[in-house]
Amino acid sequence: MHTKGSETMFCSVDRIEEGLAVCVNDMGVTFAVRLSDISGEVHEGSVLIDTGSGYIACPGEEQKRRDENFSLAESLFDE
C-alpha cells in the first residue's frame, strides 16, 4: 500500500475517457490511470487506493466519503 507518512493514499475518479480514469488525489493533483491498472469496478466518483504498483477500487471508502459529504451538506441547512 502506497502511503504518505502513515496515511494511505487515496484518489477519486473525476471522469472516465478513452480507457483512462482521470483522478484527483487528496492533495488536489489531477492525473490519469489506465483502467487496466485498476482492480475492481470503477465509475465516476469511485475512490481508489494507490498500492504503489496499481490501484484498487475501494467502495467502503467511497461510501464513507459520500456519507461525510451528505452530513456536511445537511448541517449547512440545519437551523
N, C-alpha and C. Protein backbone atom coordinates (compact mmCIF):
# COMPACT_ATOMS: atom_id res chain seq x y z
N MET A 1 0.84 -1.18 0.00
CA MET A 1 0.00 0.00 0.00
C MET A 1 0.88 1.23 0.00
N HIS A 2 0.63 2.16 -0.90
CA HIS A 2 1.40 3.39 -1.00
C HIS A 2 0.89 4.36 0.06
N THR A 3 1.80 4.91 0.83
CA THR A 3 1.41 5.81 1.90
C THR A 3 2.23 7.08 1.87
N LYS A 4 1.68 8.12 2.45
CA LYS A 4 2.40 9.37 2.68
C LYS A 4 2.54 9.44 4.19
N GLY A 5 3.75 9.19 4.70
CA GLY A 5 3.91 9.04 6.13
C GLY A 5 3.17 7.80 6.54
N SER A 6 2.18 7.94 7.41
CA SER A 6 1.39 6.78 7.82
C SER A 6 0.00 6.78 7.19
N GLU A 7 -0.24 7.73 6.25
CA GLU A 7 -1.54 7.82 5.59
C GLU A 7 -1.60 6.98 4.33
N THR A 8 -2.70 6.28 4.13
CA THR A 8 -2.94 5.58 2.87
C THR A 8 -3.28 6.63 1.82
N MET A 9 -2.75 6.47 0.62
CA MET A 9 -3.00 7.43 -0.46
C MET A 9 -4.26 7.03 -1.23
N PHE A 10 -5.22 7.94 -1.26
CA PHE A 10 -6.47 7.75 -1.97
C PHE A 10 -6.56 8.74 -3.11
N CYS A 11 -7.38 8.42 -4.08
CA CYS A 11 -7.76 9.37 -5.12
C CYS A 11 -9.20 9.07 -5.53
N SER A 12 -9.84 10.06 -6.14
CA SER A 12 -11.21 9.89 -6.63
C SER A 12 -11.21 9.98 -8.14
N VAL A 13 -12.08 9.21 -8.75
CA VAL A 13 -12.22 9.24 -10.20
C VAL A 13 -13.15 10.40 -10.56
N ASP A 14 -12.60 11.38 -11.27
CA ASP A 14 -13.38 12.54 -11.71
C ASP A 14 -14.20 12.18 -12.94
N ARG A 15 -13.55 11.50 -13.88
CA ARG A 15 -14.24 11.10 -15.11
C ARG A 15 -13.47 9.97 -15.77
N ILE A 16 -14.13 9.32 -16.72
CA ILE A 16 -13.51 8.23 -17.47
C ILE A 16 -13.57 8.62 -18.94
N GLU A 17 -12.40 8.58 -19.61
CA GLU A 17 -12.34 8.90 -21.03
C GLU A 17 -11.30 8.04 -21.72
N GLU A 18 -11.70 7.44 -22.83
CA GLU A 18 -10.80 6.70 -23.71
C GLU A 18 -9.90 5.71 -22.98
N GLY A 19 -10.48 4.90 -22.10
CA GLY A 19 -9.71 3.87 -21.40
C GLY A 19 -8.90 4.37 -20.23
N LEU A 20 -9.11 5.63 -19.83
CA LEU A 20 -8.39 6.21 -18.71
C LEU A 20 -9.36 6.72 -17.65
N ALA A 21 -8.97 6.57 -16.40
CA ALA A 21 -9.69 7.19 -15.29
C ALA A 21 -8.92 8.46 -14.94
N VAL A 22 -9.56 9.61 -15.08
CA VAL A 22 -8.93 10.87 -14.70
C VAL A 22 -9.23 11.06 -13.21
N CYS A 23 -8.16 11.08 -12.42
CA CYS A 23 -8.29 11.06 -10.97
C CYS A 23 -7.76 12.34 -10.33
N VAL A 24 -8.25 12.60 -9.12
CA VAL A 24 -7.75 13.70 -8.31
C VAL A 24 -7.40 13.11 -6.95
N ASN A 25 -6.15 13.32 -6.51
CA ASN A 25 -5.77 12.79 -5.20
C ASN A 25 -6.17 13.75 -4.09
N ASP A 26 -5.95 13.36 -2.84
CA ASP A 26 -6.38 14.16 -1.70
C ASP A 26 -5.63 15.48 -1.58
N MET A 27 -4.55 15.65 -2.36
CA MET A 27 -3.81 16.92 -2.37
C MET A 27 -4.23 17.81 -3.53
N GLY A 28 -5.22 17.35 -4.32
CA GLY A 28 -5.75 18.14 -5.42
C GLY A 28 -5.03 17.97 -6.74
N VAL A 29 -4.10 17.02 -6.82
CA VAL A 29 -3.35 16.77 -8.04
C VAL A 29 -4.18 15.88 -8.97
N THR A 30 -4.31 16.29 -10.23
CA THR A 30 -5.05 15.53 -11.24
C THR A 30 -4.09 14.71 -12.08
N PHE A 31 -4.46 13.46 -12.34
CA PHE A 31 -3.63 12.57 -13.14
C PHE A 31 -4.51 11.48 -13.75
N ALA A 32 -3.97 10.78 -14.74
CA ALA A 32 -4.73 9.73 -15.42
C ALA A 32 -4.16 8.36 -15.08
N VAL A 33 -5.05 7.38 -14.95
CA VAL A 33 -4.68 5.99 -14.67
C VAL A 33 -5.38 5.12 -15.72
N ARG A 34 -4.65 4.21 -16.33
CA ARG A 34 -5.27 3.27 -17.27
C ARG A 34 -6.28 2.41 -16.51
N LEU A 35 -7.44 2.22 -17.08
CA LEU A 35 -8.47 1.39 -16.45
C LEU A 35 -7.93 -0.02 -16.19
N SER A 36 -7.04 -0.49 -17.05
CA SER A 36 -6.47 -1.83 -16.87
C SER A 36 -5.56 -1.92 -15.64
N ASP A 37 -5.16 -0.78 -15.08
CA ASP A 37 -4.32 -0.77 -13.87
C ASP A 37 -5.14 -0.69 -12.58
N ILE A 38 -6.46 -0.75 -12.73
CA ILE A 38 -7.35 -0.63 -11.57
C ILE A 38 -8.03 -1.97 -11.33
N SER A 39 -7.91 -2.49 -10.11
CA SER A 39 -8.62 -3.72 -9.73
C SER A 39 -9.97 -3.35 -9.16
N GLY A 40 -11.00 -4.03 -9.62
CA GLY A 40 -12.35 -3.78 -9.14
C GLY A 40 -13.14 -2.91 -10.10
N GLU A 41 -14.41 -2.77 -9.79
CA GLU A 41 -15.31 -1.98 -10.63
C GLU A 41 -15.08 -0.50 -10.37
N VAL A 42 -14.96 0.27 -11.44
CA VAL A 42 -14.69 1.70 -11.31
C VAL A 42 -15.71 2.52 -12.11
N HIS A 43 -16.08 3.67 -11.57
CA HIS A 43 -17.02 4.59 -12.21
C HIS A 43 -16.69 6.00 -11.73
N GLU A 44 -17.31 6.99 -12.35
CA GLU A 44 -17.10 8.36 -11.88
C GLU A 44 -17.51 8.42 -10.42
N GLY A 45 -16.63 8.98 -9.59
CA GLY A 45 -16.90 9.08 -8.16
C GLY A 45 -16.27 7.96 -7.36
N SER A 46 -15.73 6.94 -8.02
CA SER A 46 -15.05 5.85 -7.30
C SER A 46 -13.87 6.40 -6.52
N VAL A 47 -13.60 5.79 -5.37
CA VAL A 47 -12.41 6.11 -4.60
C VAL A 47 -11.45 4.94 -4.77
N LEU A 48 -10.21 5.26 -5.09
CA LEU A 48 -9.18 4.26 -5.34
C LEU A 48 -8.08 4.37 -4.29
N ILE A 49 -7.48 3.23 -3.97
CA ILE A 49 -6.31 3.18 -3.10
C ILE A 49 -5.09 2.97 -4.00
N ASP A 50 -4.08 3.79 -3.80
CA ASP A 50 -2.82 3.66 -4.53
C ASP A 50 -1.97 2.62 -3.83
N THR A 51 -1.70 1.50 -4.50
CA THR A 51 -0.90 0.43 -3.89
C THR A 51 0.58 0.59 -4.16
N GLY A 52 0.93 1.56 -4.99
CA GLY A 52 2.31 1.72 -5.40
C GLY A 52 2.60 0.98 -6.69
N SER A 53 1.82 -0.04 -7.00
CA SER A 53 2.01 -0.78 -8.24
C SER A 53 0.72 -0.84 -9.06
N GLY A 54 -0.29 -0.14 -8.61
CA GLY A 54 -1.60 -0.11 -9.26
C GLY A 54 -2.61 0.51 -8.31
N TYR A 55 -3.86 0.36 -8.66
CA TYR A 55 -4.93 0.96 -7.86
C TYR A 55 -6.02 -0.08 -7.61
N ILE A 56 -6.67 0.05 -6.48
CA ILE A 56 -7.77 -0.83 -6.10
C ILE A 56 -8.99 0.03 -5.79
N ALA A 57 -10.12 -0.29 -6.42
CA ALA A 57 -11.38 0.39 -6.11
C ALA A 57 -11.77 0.07 -4.66
N CYS A 58 -12.18 1.08 -3.95
CA CYS A 58 -12.49 0.93 -2.52
C CYS A 58 -13.90 1.46 -2.23
N PRO A 59 -14.93 0.61 -2.46
CA PRO A 59 -16.30 1.08 -2.27
C PRO A 59 -16.61 1.49 -0.83
N GLY A 60 -15.95 0.89 0.14
CA GLY A 60 -16.18 1.28 1.54
C GLY A 60 -15.75 2.71 1.81
N GLU A 61 -14.59 3.10 1.30
CA GLU A 61 -14.10 4.47 1.46
C GLU A 61 -14.97 5.44 0.67
N GLU A 62 -15.42 5.00 -0.51
CA GLU A 62 -16.31 5.84 -1.32
C GLU A 62 -17.59 6.14 -0.55
N GLN A 63 -18.20 5.12 0.05
CA GLN A 63 -19.44 5.33 0.81
C GLN A 63 -19.20 6.21 2.04
N LYS A 64 -18.08 6.00 2.71
CA LYS A 64 -17.72 6.82 3.87
C LYS A 64 -17.64 8.29 3.48
N ARG A 65 -16.98 8.58 2.37
CA ARG A 65 -16.85 9.96 1.92
C ARG A 65 -18.19 10.53 1.47
N ARG A 66 -19.02 9.72 0.82
CA ARG A 66 -20.36 10.20 0.44
C ARG A 66 -21.18 10.55 1.69
N ASP A 67 -21.12 9.69 2.70
CA ASP A 67 -21.85 9.95 3.94
C ASP A 67 -21.36 11.22 4.63
N GLU A 68 -20.02 11.41 4.67
CA GLU A 68 -19.46 12.62 5.28
C GLU A 68 -19.90 13.86 4.52
N ASN A 69 -19.88 13.80 3.18
CA ASN A 69 -20.31 14.95 2.38
C ASN A 69 -21.79 15.24 2.58
N PHE A 70 -22.61 14.19 2.67
CA PHE A 70 -24.04 14.36 2.89
C PHE A 70 -24.28 15.03 4.25
N SER A 71 -23.58 14.55 5.28
CA SER A 71 -23.74 15.13 6.62
C SER A 71 -23.32 16.59 6.64
N LEU A 72 -22.23 16.91 5.96
CA LEU A 72 -21.77 18.29 5.91
C LEU A 72 -22.80 19.17 5.20
N ALA A 73 -23.30 18.71 4.06
CA ALA A 73 -24.30 19.47 3.33
C ALA A 73 -25.58 19.65 4.16
N GLU A 74 -25.97 18.58 4.83
CA GLU A 74 -27.18 18.64 5.67
C GLU A 74 -27.00 19.65 6.80
N SER A 75 -25.82 19.70 7.40
CA SER A 75 -25.57 20.63 8.51
C SER A 75 -25.60 22.08 8.06
N LEU A 76 -25.35 22.34 6.79
CA LEU A 76 -25.40 23.71 6.28
C LEU A 76 -26.82 24.25 6.28
N PHE A 77 -27.80 23.35 6.21
CA PHE A 77 -29.19 23.76 6.12
C PHE A 77 -29.94 23.59 7.45
N ASP A 78 -29.26 23.06 8.48
CA ASP A 78 -29.89 22.95 9.79
C ASP A 78 -29.91 24.31 10.47
N GLU A 79 -30.94 24.53 11.24
CA GLU A 79 -31.05 25.81 11.97
C GLU A 79 -30.43 25.69 13.32
